[in-house]
C-alpha atoms as a PDB file:
ATOM      1  CA  MET A   1      13.638  11.301  -1.238  1.00  0.00           C
ATOM      2  CA  PRO A   2      10.899   9.698   1.880  1.00  0.00           C
ATOM      3  CA  ARG A   3      10.624   5.895   2.034  1.00  0.00           C
ATOM      4  CA  TYR A   4       8.557   3.423   4.369  1.00  0.00           C
ATOM      5  CA  GLU A   5       8.659  -0.107   4.272  1.00  0.00           C
ATOM      6  CA  PHE A   6       6.055  -2.370   5.238  1.00  0.00           C
ATOM      7  CA  GLN A   7       3.661  -5.589   4.763  1.00  0.00           C
ATOM      8  CA  LEU A   8       0.584  -6.029   3.373  1.00  0.00           C
ATOM      9  CA  ARG A   9      -2.349  -9.194   3.974  1.00  0.00           C
ATOM     10  CA  ILE A  10      -5.583  -7.564   2.503  1.00  0.00           C
ATOM     11  CA  SER A  11      -7.781 -10.434   1.016  1.00  0.00           C
ATOM     12  CA  ALA A  12     -10.160 -10.266  -1.746  1.00  0.00           C
ATOM     13  CA  ASP A  13     -12.931  -9.311   0.653  1.00  0.00           C
ATOM     14  CA  GLN A  14     -11.767  -6.754   2.204  1.00  0.00           C
ATOM     15  CA  TYR A  15     -10.265  -4.618  -0.757  1.00  0.00           C
ATOM     16  CA  LEU A  16     -13.661  -4.698  -2.409  1.00  0.00           C
ATOM     17  CA  GLY A  17     -14.480  -1.455  -0.277  1.00  0.00           C
ATOM     18  CA  TYR A  18     -11.230  -0.248  -1.777  1.00  0.00           C
ATOM     19  CA  TYR A  19     -12.587  -1.445  -5.100  1.00  0.00           C
ATOM     20  CA  ARG A  20     -15.840   0.311  -4.877  1.00  0.00           C
ATOM     21  CA  GLY A  21     -14.426   3.290  -3.439  1.00  0.00           C
ATOM     22  CA  THR A  22     -15.928   3.123  -0.181  1.00  0.00           C
ATOM     23  CA  VAL A  23     -12.083   3.488   1.388  1.00  0.00           C
ATOM     24  CA  ARG A  24      -9.798   5.763  -0.030  1.00  0.00           C
ATOM     25  CA  GLN A  25      -6.992   5.569   2.301  1.00  0.00           C
ATOM     26  CA  VAL A  26      -4.565   2.654   3.059  1.00  0.00           C
ATOM     27  CA  LEU A  27      -2.975   3.075   6.483  1.00  0.00           C
ATOM     28  CA  VAL A  28      -0.229   0.741   7.367  1.00  0.00           C
ATOM     29  CA  GLU A  29       2.831  -0.158   9.931  1.00  0.00           C
ATOM     30  CA  CYS A  30       6.455   0.420   8.890  1.00  0.00           C
ATOM     31  CA  GLN A  31       8.618  -1.642   9.853  1.00  0.00           C
ATOM     32  CA  ASP A  32       9.567   0.842  11.449  1.00  0.00           C
ATOM     33  CA  GLY A  33       6.566   1.968  14.093  1.00  0.00           C
ATOM     34  CA  GLN A  34       5.932   4.704  11.549  1.00  0.00           C
ATOM     35  CA  MET A  35       1.992   4.696  10.541  1.00  0.00           C
ATOM     36  CA  VAL A  36       1.533   6.077   6.781  1.00  0.00           C
ATOM     37  CA  GLN A  37      -1.103   7.145   4.810  1.00  0.00           C
ATOM     38  CA  PHE A  38      -1.144   7.036   0.899  1.00  0.00           C
ATOM     39  CA  PRO A  39      -4.274   6.047  -1.897  1.00  0.00           C
ATOM     40  CA  ALA A  40      -5.553   3.029  -1.796  1.00  0.00           C
ATOM     41  CA  ALA A  41      -5.269   3.403  -6.017  1.00  0.00           C
ATOM     42  CA  LEU A  42      -2.165   2.999  -5.558  1.00  0.00           C
ATOM     43  CA  LEU A  43      -2.441  -1.022  -4.998  1.00  0.00           C
ATOM     44  CA  GLN A  44      -4.709  -1.960  -7.706  1.00  0.00           C
ATOM     45  CA  ARG A  45      -1.514  -3.459 -10.290  1.00  0.00           C
ATOM     46  CA  PHE A  46      -0.673  -5.711  -7.073  1.00  0.00           C
ATOM     47  CA  VAL A  47      -4.145  -7.356  -6.893  1.00  0.00           C
ATOM     48  CA  THR A  48      -4.777 -10.930  -6.931  1.00  0.00           C
ATOM     49  CA  GLN A  49      -7.707 -13.557  -7.137  1.00  0.00           C
ATOM     50  CA  GLU A  50      -5.977 -14.081  -3.391  1.00  0.00           C
ATOM     51  CA  GLY A  51      -6.043 -10.081  -2.762  1.00  0.00           C
ATOM     52  CA  ILE A  52      -2.895  -8.446  -1.313  1.00  0.00           C
ATOM     53  CA  ARG A  53       0.200 -10.103   0.093  1.00  0.00           C
ATOM     54  CA  GLY A  54       3.747  -9.394   0.361  1.00  0.00           C
ATOM     55  CA  ASN A  55       6.881  -6.494   1.566  1.00  0.00           C
ATOM     56  CA  PHE A  56       6.137  -3.207  -0.410  1.00  0.00           C
ATOM     57  CA  VAL A  57       7.952   0.074  -0.160  1.00  0.00           C
ATOM     58  CA  LEU A  58       6.180   3.599  -0.748  1.00  0.00           C
ATOM     59  CA  SER A  59       8.198   6.491  -2.004  1.00  0.00           C
ATOM     60  CA  CYS A  60       7.110   9.961  -2.230  1.00  0.00           C
ATOM     61  CA  ASP A  61       8.779  13.755  -2.824  1.00  0.00           C
ATOM     62  CA  GLU A  62       9.674  15.842   0.034  1.00  0.00           C
ATOM     63  CA  GLN A  63       6.643  17.267  -0.142  1.00  0.00           C
ATOM     64  CA  HIS A  64       4.963  13.677   0.654  1.00  0.00           C
ATOM     65  CA  LYS A  65       3.174  13.908  -3.516  1.00  0.00           C
ATOM     66  CA  ASN A  66       3.807  11.658  -6.194  1.00  0.00           C
ATOM     67  CA  SER A  67       3.927   8.953  -4.319  1.00  0.00           C
ATOM     68  CA  ARG A  68       4.490   5.201  -5.853  1.00  0.00           C
ATOM     69  CA  VAL A  69       4.535   1.761  -3.831  1.00  0.00           C
ATOM     70  CA  GLU A  70       6.853  -0.754  -5.597  1.00  0.00           C
ATOM     71  CA  ARG A  71       6.486  -4.435  -4.572  1.00  0.00           C
ATOM     72  CA  ARG A  72       9.803  -5.548  -2.661  1.00  0.00           C
ATOM     73  CA  LEU A  73      11.854  -8.544  -4.159  1.00  0.00           C
ATOM     74  CA  GLY A  74      10.880 -11.652  -2.267  1.00  0.00           C
ATOM     75  CA  GLY A  75       7.577 -10.226  -1.298  1.00  0.00           C
END
């Protein structure tokens, strides 16, 4: 199962585009330098008044379907 580790710092104002649906995808640079794109909706449960901050892991199946994002401990 592919796993992609990355850090996010998205302010509440920046997240408005995702929330409103005008931005549907998030593009992140992983810790290994690889670029990964995934649906912004996967981050919705991590939004606070300050936005989204922390270290995360994106995992998916071998066909890059059934994706999920989890917050890493300490992140």
